[in-house]
Amino acid sequence: MHFSEKDIQNYIWENRADWEALVEPLELPDVYQFSDDLSDLTPELLLHNQTLERVEAVYDSISELELFGCEVPLEKASNSTIRADFLTLSSHETSVVVIELKKSFQTERQAFTELLAYSNHLTNLFPGMCREDITYVLISPMNTRIVREAFIQTLIFDKRPICALVPKLSDESDISTLKLCPWIPSLEEMVNFTQAAFHPCNLDVCKVVWEYSERVWDPPVNEPINDQLINQLDSVASMAAQLMEQQGIHGFAYCSQLWSELSQSLPFTNSLVIVGLNPYAIASSIYSKENEREEEEPEFYTRYIPEISEIILGLSKSKNTNSYSDDPLSRLHHGWRSHLFNIAFKAVRLATKTTDGCLHIDYGSMTWAEYQMLPMEDIHCTNCAVRATGIVRDLFWKVVNLDYDVAAKVGIRNHPVHEDMFYSAIEALNNNWDFRDFIKRMFGESTDINLRPIISNFRSYDENDSCLEPPF
């Protein structure tokens, strides 16, 4: 295409009244239909279906647009370097639509930076905007891998409405033949993206425990936990999950309580368990997969972590870099758990606060696979309701929905995975054991874990601990 971006921009603006004619009809592939035994249920196929549904919904909202701005500067000053190519309203008039035009792969890398910048500008102008209040439309060849993956990340993980349109000319010499064709991620791209993310060693666990308190948090010794105490613990997990959602952490939270007869030897009976997808672990998975280094990952503890310059490629080309005794990516990888700890500390400190102060707490961390192998942590206890967040919650709800669709055909006692099920889905949506089955189905299991003395990881909170921010 020898026409410039300015030529294309001018043509679209001049024909803004005919936007619907410029955009080609959406032709989606069929949603994948899972077999009745659910043996083909995978996260990438679930996300593929979710992507198709999301793309269709966003496309419907931008199929009829009323363009009201062209080449709009980011700031009020006219000399802004970042400008929105077009501003418009969605057909449902529920959101502002920002359209960014990039004609070649050399410039399309800048698209998401500019879309994000304009999004931040709009939220400053209209405080309180939610994610659905701004729709992004990227007109671009979508040839660059980083742009395609950023699209998937924005649509699925960030949950922002976004649509990609590829500009095409049926006659390269006639701009009036311009059409904007919807771009849809391929199943292969979803597989590559999700296989790296949905790996069991990407799940980090942070656990904060607080002391036995009879009738306030715990039942009397040798008595089972009652509904009132369970509801209190569930409220703590709900608070933690809300904080996770606020920070955009994908994972889950729940509370547990050791059996009361163990309280004399193990006085820290109450626990808040927070599990999150570590983004730096996912990056390590992607790099390892691309460079076929799986043989260097025989166990979770010896997993290959690349240097940060192997992922942020610009660092290796920049003259302004500094050497570190430990590579920044390794430090980020291991330090990311502090986000989970800060959430757990905040929830537990607030929930246990009284007019006499707060209860004493301990804390520890490990992987999800490690955690499940410790009887005193995960077996000799009552595990309460799970509160899932982000993409983990979305997938769990979809799996529950599929499970009940299958159960409607074969009967709840003949389900191919659960064998027996609750009659009502509401009983499964926060059920701890059903959720664990879901995690195994989506993330898989590893049997080659070399369990080390993890109990030593647990320690009382120390204000001088540099790994964590103070939870006050």
Protein backbone atom coordinates (compact mmCIF):
# COMPACT_ATOMS: atom_id res chain seq x y z
CA MET A 1 0.00 0.00 0.00
CA HIS A 2 1.71 3.17 -1.19
CA PHE A 3 -0.83 5.55 0.36
CA SER A 4 0.39 7.29 3.51
CA GLU A 5 -1.31 7.16 6.91
CA LYS A 6 -2.39 10.74 6.33
CA ASP A 7 -4.04 9.77 3.04
CA ILE A 8 -5.94 6.97 4.74
CA GLN A 9 -6.88 9.18 7.66
CA ASN A 10 -8.22 11.89 5.39
CA TYR A 11 -10.20 9.39 3.34
CA ILE A 12 -11.84 7.87 6.42
CA TRP A 13 -12.66 11.32 7.82
CA GLU A 14 -14.11 12.53 4.54
CA ASN A 15 -16.28 9.39 4.39
CA ARG A 16 -17.14 9.29 8.08
CA ALA A 17 -20.84 9.24 7.29
CA ASP A 18 -20.26 5.92 5.49
CA TRP A 19 -18.28 4.23 8.28
CA GLU A 20 -20.55 1.18 8.20
CA ALA A 21 -19.77 0.67 4.50
CA LEU A 22 -16.00 0.96 5.16
CA VAL A 23 -15.96 -1.89 7.67
CA GLU A 24 -16.22 -5.40 6.29
CA PRO A 25 -18.76 -7.76 7.92
CA LEU A 26 -17.40 -9.86 10.76
CA GLU A 27 -16.88 -13.52 9.85
CA LEU A 28 -16.11 -15.48 12.99
CA PRO A 29 -15.00 -19.11 13.05
CA ASP A 30 -17.32 -21.48 14.85
CA VAL A 31 -17.11 -21.59 18.62
CA TYR A 32 -15.41 -24.82 19.64
CA GLN A 33 -17.89 -27.44 20.80
CA PHE A 34 -16.47 -29.57 23.59
CA SER A 35 -17.14 -33.30 23.66
CA ASP A 36 -19.60 -34.73 26.19
CA ASP A 37 -16.78 -36.36 28.16
CA LEU A 38 -14.92 -33.00 28.33
CA SER A 39 -11.64 -34.76 27.53
CA ASP A 40 -10.75 -31.90 25.16
CA LEU A 41 -11.33 -29.14 27.73
CA THR A 42 -8.25 -26.89 27.74
CA PRO A 43 -7.67 -23.26 28.78
CA GLU A 44 -6.63 -22.24 25.29
CA LEU A 45 -9.89 -23.53 23.77
CA LEU A 46 -11.91 -21.87 26.52
CA LEU A 47 -10.08 -18.59 25.95
CA HIS A 48 -10.45 -18.99 22.18
CA ASN A 49 -14.23 -19.18 22.62
CA GLN A 50 -14.18 -16.28 25.06
CA THR A 51 -12.14 -14.22 22.61
CA LEU A 52 -14.63 -14.86 19.80
CA GLU A 53 -17.52 -13.82 22.04
CA ARG A 54 -15.66 -10.71 23.15
CA VAL A 55 -14.61 -9.73 19.61
CA GLU A 56 -18.19 -10.12 18.39
CA ALA A 57 -19.53 -7.94 21.23
CA VAL A 58 -16.96 -5.19 20.60
CA TYR A 59 -17.48 -5.35 16.83
CA ASP A 60 -21.23 -4.92 17.29
CA SER A 61 -20.61 -1.79 19.34
CA ILE A 62 -18.38 -0.19 16.66
CA SER A 63 -20.24 -1.33 13.55
CA GLU A 64 -22.08 2.00 13.42
CA LEU A 65 -19.99 4.93 14.58
CA GLU A 66 -20.42 8.67 14.57
CA LEU A 67 -16.95 10.16 14.18
CA PHE A 68 -16.76 13.56 15.87
CA GLY A 69 -13.01 14.18 16.13
CA CYS A 70 -9.96 13.76 13.91
CA GLU A 71 -6.29 14.28 14.84
CA VAL A 72 -7.22 15.25 18.41
CA PRO A 73 -4.21 16.23 20.58
CA LEU A 74 -3.67 14.39 23.85
CA GLU A 75 -3.47 17.61 25.87
CA LYS A 76 -5.35 20.87 25.56
CA ALA A 77 -2.20 22.42 24.10
CA SER A 78 -2.06 22.18 20.33
CA ASN A 79 1.58 21.05 20.26
CA SER A 80 0.95 17.62 21.77
CA THR A 81 3.02 14.86 20.15
CA ILE A 82 0.35 12.19 20.81
CA ARG A 83 -2.97 12.58 19.05
CA ALA A 84 -6.01 10.38 18.62
CA ASP A 85 -6.56 9.73 14.94
CA PHE A 86 -10.33 9.61 15.52
CA LEU A 87 -12.77 10.01 18.39
CA THR A 88 -16.27 8.65 18.09
CA LEU A 89 -19.23 7.22 19.97
CA SER A 90 -20.13 3.54 20.02
CA SER A 91 -23.37 2.51 18.37
CA HIS A 92 -24.82 1.79 21.82
CA GLU A 93 -23.70 5.26 23.01
CA THR A 94 -22.19 3.73 26.14
CA SER A 95 -18.53 4.47 25.48
CA VAL A 96 -16.09 6.80 23.81
CA VAL A 97 -14.27 5.06 20.96
CA VAL A 98 -10.62 5.91 20.35
CA ILE A 99 -9.38 4.90 16.89
CA GLU A 100 -5.66 4.64 16.20
CA LEU A 101 -4.40 4.26 12.64
CA LYS A 102 -1.07 2.60 11.81
CA LYS A 103 -0.46 1.59 8.23
CA SER A 104 2.77 -0.45 8.54
CA PHE A 105 4.53 -2.81 10.93
CA GLN A 106 7.22 -0.17 11.53
CA THR A 107 4.68 2.13 13.21
CA GLU A 108 2.11 -0.29 14.64
CA ARG A 109 4.37 -1.06 17.62
CA GLN A 110 3.57 2.46 18.87
CA ALA A 111 -0.19 1.92 18.70
CA PHE A 112 -0.79 0.53 22.18
CA THR A 113 1.40 3.17 23.80
CA GLU A 114 -0.69 5.89 22.19
CA LEU A 115 -4.01 4.16 22.93
CA LEU A 116 -3.04 3.80 26.58
CA ALA A 117 -1.90 7.41 26.77
CA TYR A 118 -5.20 8.64 25.37
CA SER A 119 -7.13 6.33 27.67
CA ASN A 120 -5.37 7.83 30.68
CA HIS A 121 -6.13 11.31 29.33
CA LEU A 122 -9.85 10.53 29.06
CA THR A 123 -10.04 9.07 32.56
CA ASN A 124 -8.45 12.25 33.87
CA LEU A 125 -11.06 14.31 32.06
CA PHE A 126 -13.94 12.06 33.17
CA PRO A 127 -13.03 10.68 36.62
CA GLY A 128 -14.59 7.35 37.52
CA MET A 129 -14.68 5.90 34.00
CA CYS A 130 -14.86 2.11 34.04
CA ARG A 131 -13.13 -0.19 31.58
CA GLU A 132 -16.21 -0.44 29.38
CA ASP A 133 -16.42 3.35 29.02
CA ILE A 134 -13.55 3.45 26.49
CA THR A 135 -13.42 1.23 23.42
CA TYR A 136 -10.20 0.91 21.44
CA VAL A 137 -10.09 0.39 17.69
CA LEU A 138 -6.72 -0.31 16.11
CA ILE A 139 -6.52 0.04 12.33
CA SER A 140 -3.29 -1.77 11.52
CA PRO A 141 -1.81 -4.59 9.40
CA MET A 142 -1.44 -6.69 12.61
CA ASN A 143 1.78 -8.16 11.23
CA THR A 144 3.89 -7.65 14.34
CA ARG A 145 3.79 -10.40 16.89
CA ILE A 146 4.11 -8.05 19.86
CA VAL A 147 1.04 -6.15 18.65
CA ARG A 148 -1.01 -9.33 18.22
CA GLU A 149 -0.07 -10.50 21.72
CA ALA A 150 -0.78 -7.06 23.16
CA PHE A 151 -4.24 -7.27 21.57
CA ILE A 152 -4.90 -10.64 23.27
CA GLN A 153 -3.53 -9.33 26.57
CA THR A 154 -5.76 -6.23 26.39
CA LEU A 155 -8.88 -8.15 25.41
CA ILE A 156 -8.57 -11.19 27.70
CA PHE A 157 -6.37 -10.32 30.67
CA ASP A 158 -6.94 -6.56 30.95
CA LYS A 159 -10.61 -6.98 29.97
CA ARG A 160 -10.71 -3.82 27.88
CA PRO A 161 -12.98 -3.64 24.80
CA ILE A 162 -10.73 -3.57 21.76
CA CYS A 163 -11.18 -4.28 18.07
CA ALA A 164 -8.53 -4.61 15.36
CA LEU A 165 -9.23 -3.73 11.73
CA VAL A 166 -6.80 -4.45 8.90
CA PRO A 167 -6.78 -1.86 6.07
CA LYS A 168 -6.93 -3.45 2.62
CA LEU A 169 -7.23 -2.13 -0.94
CA SER A 170 -8.74 -4.20 -3.71
CA ASP A 171 -6.99 -1.77 -6.11
CA GLU A 172 -3.64 -0.59 -4.77
CA SER A 173 -3.84 2.58 -6.85
CA ASP A 174 -7.37 3.56 -5.81
CA ILE A 175 -7.94 4.60 -2.19
CA SER A 176 -11.70 4.51 -2.72
CA THR A 177 -11.40 0.71 -2.66
CA LEU A 178 -10.28 0.84 0.99
CA LYS A 179 -11.94 -1.66 3.32
CA LEU A 180 -11.34 -2.28 7.01
CA CYS A 181 -11.35 -6.01 7.69
CA PRO A 182 -11.81 -7.36 11.24
CA TRP A 183 -8.79 -9.23 12.61
CA ILE A 184 -9.35 -12.25 14.85
CA PRO A 185 -6.61 -14.04 16.83
CA SER A 186 -5.96 -17.54 15.56
CA LEU A 187 -6.31 -20.62 17.74
CA GLU A 188 -2.57 -21.20 17.34
CA GLU A 189 -1.85 -17.76 18.83
CA MET A 190 -4.16 -18.49 21.74
CA VAL A 191 -2.39 -21.82 22.33
CA ASN A 192 1.06 -20.21 22.33
CA PHE A 193 -0.12 -17.47 24.64
CA THR A 194 -1.99 -19.61 27.19
CA GLN A 195 0.29 -22.65 27.38
CA ALA A 196 3.01 -20.46 28.84
CA ALA A 197 0.64 -18.72 31.25
CA PHE A 198 -1.33 -21.72 32.53
CA HIS A 199 1.50 -23.71 34.04
CA PRO A 200 1.38 -24.88 37.69
CA CYS A 201 4.73 -23.34 38.60
CA ASN A 202 3.39 -19.88 37.72
CA LEU A 203 1.04 -20.00 40.72
CA ASP A 204 2.59 -18.34 43.78
CA VAL A 205 1.13 -18.90 47.24
CA CYS A 206 1.32 -16.45 50.12
CA LYS A 207 -0.19 -17.47 53.43
CA VAL A 208 -0.82 -15.29 56.47
CA VAL A 209 -1.91 -17.01 59.69
CA TRP A 210 -3.23 -15.60 62.95
CA GLU A 211 -3.56 -17.02 66.42
CA TYR A 212 -6.28 -19.10 68.00
CA SER A 213 -9.06 -17.01 69.54
CA GLU A 214 -11.87 -19.07 71.04
CA ARG A 215 -15.37 -18.03 69.98
CA VAL A 216 -14.04 -14.92 68.23
CA TRP A 217 -12.34 -16.80 65.38
CA ASP A 218 -12.21 -20.44 66.56
CA PRO A 219 -14.54 -23.00 68.12
CA PRO A 220 -13.75 -24.50 71.54
CA VAL A 221 -11.17 -27.31 71.47
CA ASN A 222 -12.47 -30.59 69.99
CA GLU A 223 -15.53 -28.89 68.48
CA PRO A 224 -16.10 -28.34 64.73
CA ILE A 225 -16.16 -24.87 63.25
CA ASN A 226 -19.64 -23.35 63.10
CA ASP A 227 -21.35 -21.40 60.32
CA GLN A 228 -20.82 -18.02 61.97
CA LEU A 229 -17.05 -18.48 62.10
CA ILE A 230 -17.00 -19.82 58.54
CA ASN A 231 -18.85 -16.70 57.38
CA GLN A 232 -16.27 -14.52 59.12
CA LEU A 233 -13.40 -16.32 57.38
CA ASP A 234 -15.22 -16.09 54.05
CA SER A 235 -15.49 -12.32 54.55
CA VAL A 236 -11.71 -12.08 54.97
CA ALA A 237 -11.19 -14.00 51.71
CA SER A 238 -13.73 -11.78 49.94
CA MET A 239 -11.87 -8.69 51.10
CA ALA A 240 -8.58 -10.11 49.83
CA ALA A 241 -10.13 -11.03 46.47
CA GLN A 242 -11.48 -7.50 46.06
CA LEU A 243 -7.98 -6.11 46.67
CA MET A 244 -6.59 -8.58 44.12
CA GLU A 245 -9.15 -7.43 41.55
CA GLN A 246 -8.29 -3.83 42.30
CA GLN A 247 -4.65 -4.51 41.48
CA GLY A 248 -5.43 -6.69 38.45
CA ILE A 249 -4.03 -9.90 39.97
CA HIS A 250 -5.30 -13.14 38.46
CA GLY A 251 -5.71 -15.92 41.00
CA PHE A 252 -7.80 -16.85 44.01
CA ALA A 253 -8.08 -16.48 47.78
CA TYR A 254 -9.66 -18.49 50.56
CA CYS A 255 -9.40 -18.98 54.32
CA SER A 256 -8.74 -22.17 56.24
CA GLN A 257 -8.72 -23.18 59.88
CA LEU A 258 -6.74 -25.96 61.54
CA TRP A 259 -8.74 -28.53 63.46
CA SER A 260 -9.37 -27.14 66.95
CA GLU A 261 -7.72 -30.12 68.68
CA LEU A 262 -4.40 -29.04 67.15
CA SER A 263 -4.57 -25.51 68.60
CA GLN A 264 -2.41 -26.26 71.66
CA SER A 265 0.55 -27.43 69.58
CA LEU A 266 -0.16 -25.17 66.58
CA PRO A 267 -1.60 -21.93 68.00
CA PHE A 268 -1.77 -20.09 64.66
CA THR A 269 -4.94 -21.83 63.56
CA ASN A 270 -6.50 -19.33 61.12
CA SER A 271 -5.16 -18.75 57.63
CA LEU A 272 -5.68 -16.54 54.61
CA VAL A 273 -4.28 -18.21 51.50
CA ILE A 274 -3.71 -16.02 48.43
CA VAL A 275 -2.62 -17.55 45.13
CA GLY A 276 -1.65 -15.42 42.13
CA LEU A 277 -0.31 -15.84 38.61
CA ASN A 278 3.23 -14.47 38.69
CA PRO A 279 3.76 -12.42 35.47
CA TYR A 280 7.54 -12.80 35.63
CA ALA A 281 7.18 -16.56 35.90
CA ILE A 282 4.94 -16.47 32.81
CA ALA A 283 7.58 -14.46 30.94
CA SER A 284 10.15 -17.07 31.89
CA SER A 285 7.82 -19.79 30.57
CA ILE A 286 7.39 -17.98 27.26
CA TYR A 287 11.12 -17.49 26.80
CA SER A 288 11.92 -21.07 27.78
CA LYS A 289 9.31 -22.40 25.38
CA GLU A 290 10.54 -20.27 22.51
CA ASN A 291 14.14 -21.32 23.04
CA GLU A 292 13.37 -24.99 23.76
CA ARG A 293 14.93 -24.92 27.19
CA GLU A 294 12.40 -27.14 28.92
CA GLU A 295 15.18 -29.65 29.56
CA GLU A 296 16.72 -27.05 31.87
CA GLU A 297 13.58 -27.07 34.05
CA PRO A 298 13.49 -30.55 35.66
CA GLU A 299 12.01 -29.11 38.87
CA PHE A 300 10.32 -25.93 39.94
CA TYR A 301 13.28 -24.82 42.01
CA THR A 302 15.84 -25.07 39.20
CA ARG A 303 13.57 -23.49 36.63
CA TYR A 304 15.41 -21.43 34.04
CA ILE A 305 14.93 -17.69 34.49
CA PRO A 306 16.31 -15.68 31.56
CA GLU A 307 18.11 -12.41 31.95
CA ILE A 308 15.90 -9.37 31.56
CA SER A 309 17.78 -8.31 28.41
CA GLU A 310 16.63 -11.54 26.76
CA ILE A 311 13.01 -10.38 27.10
CA ILE A 312 13.34 -6.58 26.90
CA LEU A 313 15.51 -6.76 23.80
CA GLY A 314 16.15 -3.04 23.71
CA LEU A 315 18.34 -3.34 26.81
CA SER A 316 20.98 -5.28 24.92
CA LYS A 317 21.14 -2.52 22.29
CA SER A 318 21.12 0.40 24.70
CA LYS A 319 24.36 2.05 25.80
CA ASN A 320 22.73 3.35 28.99
CA THR A 321 22.50 0.17 31.04
CA ASN A 322 23.81 -0.76 34.44
CA SER A 323 25.12 -4.12 35.64
CA TYR A 324 23.58 -5.81 38.67
CA SER A 325 24.90 -8.50 40.97
CA ASP A 326 21.56 -10.26 40.46
CA ASP A 327 19.65 -9.87 37.22
CA PRO A 328 16.56 -7.61 37.62
CA LEU A 329 14.21 -10.25 36.18
CA SER A 330 15.26 -12.80 38.78
CA ARG A 331 14.69 -10.26 41.52
CA LEU A 332 11.29 -9.31 40.09
CA HIS A 333 10.38 -12.98 39.70
CA HIS A 334 11.02 -13.76 43.36
CA GLY A 335 9.92 -10.38 44.74
CA TRP A 336 6.50 -10.37 43.08
CA ARG A 337 4.99 -12.25 46.00
CA SER A 338 5.24 -9.07 48.06
CA HIS A 339 2.08 -7.87 46.25
CA LEU A 340 0.21 -10.90 47.60
CA PHE A 341 1.66 -10.46 51.06
CA ASN A 342 0.69 -6.81 51.25
CA ILE A 343 -2.88 -7.71 50.29
CA ALA A 344 -3.00 -10.54 52.84
CA PHE A 345 -1.55 -8.38 55.62
CA LYS A 346 -4.01 -5.58 54.88
CA ALA A 347 -7.03 -7.92 54.94
CA VAL A 348 -5.98 -9.85 58.05
CA ARG A 349 -4.88 -6.78 60.02
CA LEU A 350 -8.19 -5.05 59.37
CA ALA A 351 -10.33 -8.15 59.97
CA THR A 352 -8.66 -9.03 63.29
CA LYS A 353 -8.45 -5.49 64.63
CA THR A 354 -10.15 -4.86 67.96
CA THR A 355 -10.18 -2.07 70.51
CA ASP A 356 -7.34 -3.97 72.21
CA GLY A 357 -5.23 -4.12 69.03
CA CYS A 358 -4.58 -6.90 66.50
CA LEU A 359 -3.85 -10.59 66.88
CA HIS A 360 -0.34 -11.94 66.29
CA ILE A 361 0.38 -13.22 62.78
CA ASP A 362 2.91 -15.36 60.92
CA TYR A 363 3.41 -15.73 57.18
CA GLY A 364 5.07 -17.89 54.55
CA SER A 365 5.28 -18.52 50.81
CA MET A 366 5.75 -21.37 48.36
CA THR A 367 4.30 -22.68 45.11
CA TRP A 368 0.76 -24.03 44.86
CA ALA A 369 2.10 -27.53 44.16
CA GLU A 370 4.30 -27.42 47.27
CA TYR A 371 1.49 -26.15 49.44
CA GLN A 372 -0.85 -29.04 48.65
CA MET A 373 1.76 -31.57 49.79
CA LEU A 374 1.90 -30.27 53.37
CA PRO A 375 -0.70 -32.06 55.56
CA MET A 376 -0.53 -29.55 58.43
CA GLU A 377 -1.09 -26.69 56.00
CA ASP A 378 -3.69 -28.07 53.63
CA ILE A 379 -5.17 -31.31 54.95
CA HIS A 380 -5.71 -31.20 58.72
CA CYS A 381 -7.95 -28.17 58.37
CA THR A 382 -11.27 -26.85 57.16
CA ASN A 383 -10.89 -25.08 53.81
CA CYS A 384 -13.53 -22.42 53.27
CA ALA A 385 -15.04 -20.93 50.12
CA VAL A 386 -12.80 -19.81 47.25
CA ARG A 387 -12.94 -16.34 45.74
CA ALA A 388 -11.36 -16.35 42.28
CA THR A 389 -10.20 -13.23 40.45
CA GLY A 390 -9.45 -12.06 36.91
CA ILE A 391 -9.00 -14.59 34.14
CA VAL A 392 -8.96 -17.47 36.65
CA ARG A 393 -12.47 -16.53 37.76
CA ASP A 394 -13.69 -16.16 34.18
CA LEU A 395 -12.40 -19.62 33.23
CA PHE A 396 -13.79 -21.21 36.39
CA TRP A 397 -17.27 -19.85 35.72
CA LYS A 398 -17.10 -21.09 32.13
CA VAL A 399 -16.00 -24.55 33.26
CA VAL A 400 -18.81 -24.73 35.84
CA ASN A 401 -21.27 -23.74 33.11
CA LEU A 402 -19.93 -26.46 30.80
CA ASP A 403 -20.03 -29.03 33.61
CA TYR A 404 -23.71 -28.34 34.21
CA ASP A 405 -24.48 -28.43 30.48
CA VAL A 406 -22.94 -31.92 30.35
CA ALA A 407 -24.67 -32.98 33.57
CA ALA A 408 -27.99 -31.96 32.02
CA LYS A 409 -27.32 -34.53 29.28
CA VAL A 410 -25.81 -37.42 31.25
CA GLY A 411 -27.07 -36.79 34.79
CA ILE A 412 -25.24 -35.29 37.76
CA ARG A 413 -24.18 -38.74 39.01
CA ASN A 414 -22.63 -39.63 35.65
CA HIS A 415 -20.51 -36.56 35.09
CA PRO A 416 -17.25 -37.65 33.36
CA VAL A 417 -15.03 -35.60 35.68
CA HIS A 418 -16.83 -35.14 39.01
CA GLU A 419 -18.90 -38.37 38.90
CA ASP A 420 -21.30 -36.66 41.28
CA MET A 421 -22.27 -32.99 41.44
CA PHE A 422 -24.35 -30.50 43.36
CA TYR A 423 -27.84 -30.07 41.93
CA SER A 424 -27.43 -26.28 41.82
CA ALA A 425 -24.42 -24.49 40.31
CA ILE A 426 -24.47 -21.86 43.07
CA GLU A 427 -23.13 -24.50 45.45
CA ALA A 428 -20.17 -25.17 43.17
CA LEU A 429 -19.17 -21.59 42.33
CA ASN A 430 -17.21 -21.09 45.56
CA ASN A 431 -16.69 -24.71 46.55
CA ASN A 432 -13.04 -25.31 47.48
CA TRP A 433 -12.76 -28.88 46.24
CA ASP A 434 -14.57 -28.26 42.96
CA PHE A 435 -12.25 -25.32 42.42
CA ARG A 436 -9.18 -27.50 43.01
CA ASP A 437 -10.41 -29.92 40.38
CA PHE A 438 -10.70 -26.96 38.03
CA ILE A 439 -7.11 -25.88 38.77
CA LYS A 440 -5.86 -29.39 37.96
CA ARG A 441 -7.82 -29.41 34.71
CA MET A 442 -6.56 -26.00 33.61
CA PHE A 443 -3.03 -25.87 35.01
CA GLY A 444 -2.12 -29.55 35.12
CA GLU A 445 -0.12 -31.29 37.80
CA SER A 446 3.56 -31.99 38.36
CA THR A 447 4.79 -35.17 40.00
CA ASP A 448 8.51 -34.37 40.03
CA ILE A 449 8.51 -31.90 42.94
CA ASN A 450 11.47 -32.30 45.26
CA LEU A 451 9.88 -31.14 48.54
CA ARG A 452 12.34 -29.19 50.64
CA PRO A 453 11.87 -28.03 54.26
CA ILE A 454 9.24 -25.45 53.39
CA ILE A 455 7.98 -25.05 56.94
CA SER A 456 11.11 -23.00 57.65
CA ASN A 457 9.73 -20.39 55.25
CA PHE A 458 7.11 -19.45 57.83
CA ARG A 459 8.13 -16.68 60.21
CA SER A 460 6.69 -13.87 62.26
CA TYR A 461 6.44 -10.46 60.66
CA ASP A 462 9.60 -8.39 61.12
CA GLU A 463 9.59 -4.65 60.40
CA ASN A 464 13.20 -4.96 59.23
CA ASP A 465 12.35 -7.54 56.57
CA SER A 466 13.35 -5.87 53.29
CA CYS A 467 11.36 -8.32 51.17
CA LEU A 468 8.02 -6.91 52.23
CA GLU A 469 6.45 -3.54 52.59
CA PRO A 470 5.10 -2.88 56.12
CA PRO A 471 1.47 -4.07 56.27
CA PHE A 472 0.31 -1.05 58.25
